[in-house]
Amino acid sequence: MARQLFKGSRGETEAWTIRLFRRREETDLQKFLAPVSASQIGIHNVTFEPGCQNNWHIHHAKSGGGQILICVGGRGWYQEWSKEPVAMKPGDCVNIPVGVKHWHGAAEDSWFSHLAIEVPGEETSTEWLEASK
């Protein structure tokens, strides 16, 4: 399957893709990020290969901000720092407030697709941290 590259409003690059969306056993990774909307609110359909997950990260904003994840296919996980992981299946929704350290990604044996919705805010940014596993 061909890798889809996406360069978003914040300047994501292939290096960003390789570093932050990883498969635990390999360094040759596949991650797919398809923009759905960017004009009123940022929405991306993000697809992880089996076993792929992103690093711990925190969404920051001066006001507003945060992220909403809606699972649209496969099975995956969402986890907040110091809490148990939450299984996600199609139709499940997670609301992530500003300042919450978390990660999300695919189950070991399933692809996982979710809509990632950027909640509008002032001076928003994402702080990428250590590997989640």
C-alpha atoms as a PDB file:
ATOM      1  CA  MET A   1       0.000   0.000   0.000  1.00  0.00           C
ATOM      2  CA  ALA A   2       1.416   3.413  -0.926  1.00  0.00           C
ATOM      3  CA  ARG A   3       2.142   5.907   1.812  1.00  0.00           C
ATOM      4  CA  GLN A   4       0.019   9.032   1.636  1.00  0.00           C
ATOM      5  CA  LEU A   5       1.885  12.147   2.625  1.00  0.00           C
ATOM      6  CA  PHE A   6       0.157  15.182   4.050  1.00  0.00           C
ATOM      7  CA  LYS A   7       1.564  18.611   4.756  1.00  0.00           C
ATOM      8  CA  GLY A   8      -0.853  20.388   7.036  1.00  0.00           C
ATOM      9  CA  SER A   9      -1.221  23.924   8.272  1.00  0.00           C
ATOM     10  CA  ARG A  10       1.344  23.309  11.005  1.00  0.00           C
ATOM     11  CA  GLY A  11       3.971  21.970   8.585  1.00  0.00           C
ATOM     12  CA  GLU A  12       3.873  18.236   9.268  1.00  0.00           C
ATOM     13  CA  THR A  13       6.535  16.357   7.331  1.00  0.00           C
ATOM     14  CA  GLU A  14       7.466  12.775   6.560  1.00  0.00           C
ATOM     15  CA  ALA A  15      10.084  12.951   9.348  1.00  0.00           C
ATOM     16  CA  TRP A  16       7.285  13.894  11.760  1.00  0.00           C
ATOM     17  CA  THR A  17       5.317  10.916  10.501  1.00  0.00           C
ATOM     18  CA  ILE A  18       8.192   8.494  11.034  1.00  0.00           C
ATOM     19  CA  ARG A  19       9.097   9.827  14.475  1.00  0.00           C
ATOM     20  CA  LEU A  20       5.636  10.015  16.019  1.00  0.00           C
ATOM     21  CA  PHE A  21       3.578   7.274  14.421  1.00  0.00           C
ATOM     22  CA  ARG A  22       5.496   4.075  14.852  1.00  0.00           C
ATOM     23  CA  ARG A  23       5.099   0.351  14.889  1.00  0.00           C
ATOM     24  CA  ARG A  24       6.728  -1.036  18.000  1.00  0.00           C
ATOM     25  CA  GLU A  25       8.868  -3.695  16.279  1.00  0.00           C
ATOM     26  CA  GLU A  26       9.898  -1.772  13.159  1.00  0.00           C
ATOM     27  CA  THR A  27      11.284   1.552  12.042  1.00  0.00           C
ATOM     28  CA  ASP A  28       9.892   1.336   8.485  1.00  0.00           C
ATOM     29  CA  LEU A  29       6.465   2.717   9.269  1.00  0.00           C
ATOM     30  CA  GLN A  30       3.206   3.397   7.582  1.00  0.00           C
ATOM     31  CA  LYS A  31       0.824   6.061   8.804  1.00  0.00           C
ATOM     32  CA  PHE A  32      -1.945   7.648   6.806  1.00  0.00           C
ATOM     33  CA  LEU A  33      -3.405  11.084   7.457  1.00  0.00           C
ATOM     34  CA  ALA A  34      -6.110  12.351   5.102  1.00  0.00           C
ATOM     35  CA  PRO A  35      -7.551  15.872   5.487  1.00  0.00           C
ATOM     36  CA  VAL A  36     -11.347  15.988   5.516  1.00  0.00           C
ATOM     37  CA  SER A  37     -11.835  19.697   6.300  1.00  0.00           C
ATOM     38  CA  ALA A  38      -9.601  22.657   7.038  1.00  0.00           C
ATOM     39  CA  SER A  39     -11.769  25.707   6.318  1.00  0.00           C
ATOM     40  CA  GLN A  40     -13.934  26.012   9.462  1.00  0.00           C
ATOM     41  CA  ILE A  41     -12.479  23.335  11.697  1.00  0.00           C
ATOM     42  CA  GLY A  42      -9.563  20.947  11.222  1.00  0.00           C
ATOM     43  CA  ILE A  43     -10.721  17.369  10.656  1.00  0.00           C
ATOM     44  CA  HIS A  44      -8.407  14.545   9.572  1.00  0.00           C
ATOM     45  CA  ASN A  45      -9.087  10.869   8.963  1.00  0.00           C
ATOM     46  CA  VAL A  46      -6.066   9.179  10.585  1.00  0.00           C
ATOM     47  CA  THR A  47      -5.372   5.494   9.881  1.00  0.00           C
ATOM     48  CA  PHE A  48      -2.877   3.434  11.872  1.00  0.00           C
ATOM     49  CA  GLU A  49      -1.544   0.050  10.729  1.00  0.00           C
ATOM     50  CA  PRO A  50      -1.870  -2.809  13.276  1.00  0.00           C
ATOM     51  CA  GLY A  51       0.308  -2.165  16.323  1.00  0.00           C
ATOM     52  CA  CYS A  52       1.051   1.447  15.329  1.00  0.00           C
ATOM     53  CA  GLN A  53       0.502   4.229  17.843  1.00  0.00           C
ATOM     54  CA  ASN A  54       1.644   7.772  18.369  1.00  0.00           C
ATOM     55  CA  ASN A  55       3.834   9.183  21.129  1.00  0.00           C
ATOM     56  CA  TRP A  56       2.493  10.710  24.297  1.00  0.00           C
ATOM     57  CA  HIS A  57       1.467  14.272  23.518  1.00  0.00           C
ATOM     58  CA  ILE A  58      -0.383  17.268  24.942  1.00  0.00           C
ATOM     59  CA  HIS A  59      -2.612  19.761  23.130  1.00  0.00           C
ATOM     60  CA  HIS A  60      -2.099  23.299  24.416  1.00  0.00           C
ATOM     61  CA  ALA A  61      -4.135  26.477  23.912  1.00  0.00           C
ATOM     62  CA  LYS A  62      -4.388  29.922  25.465  1.00  0.00           C
ATOM     63  CA  SER A  63      -8.177  29.457  25.316  1.00  0.00           C
ATOM     64  CA  GLY A  64     -10.422  26.814  23.768  1.00  0.00           C
ATOM     65  CA  GLY A  65      -8.561  24.032  22.004  1.00  0.00           C
ATOM     66  CA  GLY A  66      -8.288  20.314  22.620  1.00  0.00           C
ATOM     67  CA  GLN A  67      -9.134  17.390  20.375  1.00  0.00           C
ATOM     68  CA  ILE A  68     -12.025  15.022  19.666  1.00  0.00           C
ATOM     69  CA  LEU A  69     -11.443  11.494  18.322  1.00  0.00           C
ATOM     70  CA  ILE A  70     -14.239   9.502  16.656  1.00  0.00           C
ATOM     71  CA  CYS A  71     -13.429   5.915  15.698  1.00  0.00           C
ATOM     72  CA  VAL A  72     -14.650   5.151  12.170  1.00  0.00           C
ATOM     73  CA  GLY A  73     -13.015   1.762  11.529  1.00  0.00           C
ATOM     74  CA  GLY A  74     -11.069  -1.069  13.089  1.00  0.00           C
ATOM     75  CA  ARG A  75     -10.066  -1.273  16.727  1.00  0.00           C
ATOM     76  CA  GLY A  76      -7.722   0.930  18.689  1.00  0.00           C
ATOM     77  CA  TRP A  77      -6.735   2.390  22.023  1.00  0.00           C
ATOM     78  CA  TYR A  78      -6.727   5.772  23.753  1.00  0.00           C
ATOM     79  CA  GLN A  79      -4.895   6.365  27.027  1.00  0.00           C
ATOM     80  CA  GLU A  80      -4.471   9.347  29.324  1.00  0.00           C
ATOM     81  CA  TRP A  81      -1.417   9.617  31.558  1.00  0.00           C
ATOM     82  CA  SER A  82      -1.830   7.613  34.824  1.00  0.00           C
ATOM     83  CA  LYS A  83      -5.116   6.049  33.623  1.00  0.00           C
ATOM     84  CA  GLU A  84      -5.952   2.676  32.109  1.00  0.00           C
ATOM     85  CA  PRO A  85      -6.155   2.428  28.277  1.00  0.00           C
ATOM     86  CA  VAL A  86      -9.634   2.693  26.758  1.00  0.00           C
ATOM     87  CA  ALA A  87     -10.582   0.401  23.846  1.00  0.00           C
ATOM     88  CA  MET A  88     -12.096   2.150  20.826  1.00  0.00           C
ATOM     89  CA  LYS A  89     -14.381   0.656  18.174  1.00  0.00           C
ATOM     90  CA  PRO A  90     -16.428   2.288  15.394  1.00  0.00           C
ATOM     91  CA  GLY A  91     -18.767   4.916  16.806  1.00  0.00           C
ATOM     92  CA  ASP A  92     -16.765   5.511  20.003  1.00  0.00           C
ATOM     93  CA  CYS A  93     -15.853   9.119  20.776  1.00  0.00           C
ATOM     94  CA  VAL A  94     -13.185  10.592  23.084  1.00  0.00           C
ATOM     95  CA  ASN A  95     -13.091  14.254  24.113  1.00  0.00           C
ATOM     96  CA  ILE A  96      -9.559  15.361  25.017  1.00  0.00           C
ATOM     97  CA  PRO A  97      -9.306  18.609  26.976  1.00  0.00           C
ATOM     98  CA  VAL A  98      -6.357  20.976  26.684  1.00  0.00           C
ATOM     99  CA  GLY A  99      -3.411  19.971  28.867  1.00  0.00           C
ATOM    100  CA  VAL A 100      -4.157  16.227  29.038  1.00  0.00           C
ATOM    101  CA  LYS A 101      -1.150  13.992  28.255  1.00  0.00           C
ATOM    102  CA  HIS A 102      -2.323  11.082  26.081  1.00  0.00           C
ATOM    103  CA  TRP A 103      -1.666   8.732  23.128  1.00  0.00           C
ATOM    104  CA  HIS A 104      -3.833   6.786  20.660  1.00  0.00           C
ATOM    105  CA  GLY A 105      -3.264   4.034  18.120  1.00  0.00           C
ATOM    106  CA  ALA A 106      -4.212   0.654  16.695  1.00  0.00           C
ATOM    107  CA  ALA A 107      -4.703  -2.658  18.454  1.00  0.00           C
ATOM    108  CA  GLU A 108      -1.942  -5.190  17.730  1.00  0.00           C
ATOM    109  CA  ASP A 109      -4.149  -7.177  15.335  1.00  0.00           C
ATOM    110  CA  SER A 110      -6.304  -4.503  13.695  1.00  0.00           C
ATOM    111  CA  TRP A 111      -6.087  -1.391  11.542  1.00  0.00           C
ATOM    112  CA  PHE A 112      -7.567   1.637  13.292  1.00  0.00           C
ATOM    113  CA  SER A 113      -9.086   4.752  11.713  1.00  0.00           C
ATOM    114  CA  HIS A 114     -10.408   7.759  13.568  1.00  0.00           C
ATOM    115  CA  LEU A 115     -11.490  11.270  12.752  1.00  0.00           C
ATOM    116  CA  ALA A 116      -9.265  13.711  14.624  1.00  0.00           C
ATOM    117  CA  ILE A 117     -11.099  16.981  15.150  1.00  0.00           C
ATOM    118  CA  GLU A 118      -9.110  20.020  16.233  1.00  0.00           C
ATOM    119  CA  VAL A 119     -11.205  22.055  18.659  1.00  0.00           C
ATOM    120  CA  PRO A 120     -10.782  25.732  17.709  1.00  0.00           C
ATOM    121  CA  GLY A 121      -8.803  27.837  20.136  1.00  0.00           C
ATOM    122  CA  GLU A 122      -6.309  30.647  20.501  1.00  0.00           C
ATOM    123  CA  GLU A 123      -2.569  29.973  20.273  1.00  0.00           C
ATOM    124  CA  THR A 124      -3.018  26.208  19.868  1.00  0.00           C
ATOM    125  CA  SER A 125      -0.077  23.826  19.660  1.00  0.00           C
ATOM    126  CA  THR A 126       0.797  20.173  20.208  1.00  0.00           C
ATOM    127  CA  GLU A 127       3.725  19.138  22.399  1.00  0.00           C
ATOM    128  CA  TRP A 128       5.117  15.745  21.302  1.00  0.00           C
ATOM    129  CA  LEU A 129       6.729  13.689  24.061  1.00  0.00           C
ATOM    130  CA  GLU A 130       8.235  10.242  24.695  1.00  0.00           C
ATOM    131  CA  ALA A 131       7.205   6.961  23.067  1.00  0.00           C
ATOM    132  CA  SER A 132       4.015   5.528  24.528  1.00  0.00           C
ATOM    133  CA  LYS A 133       5.286   1.924  24.883  1.00  0.00           C
END
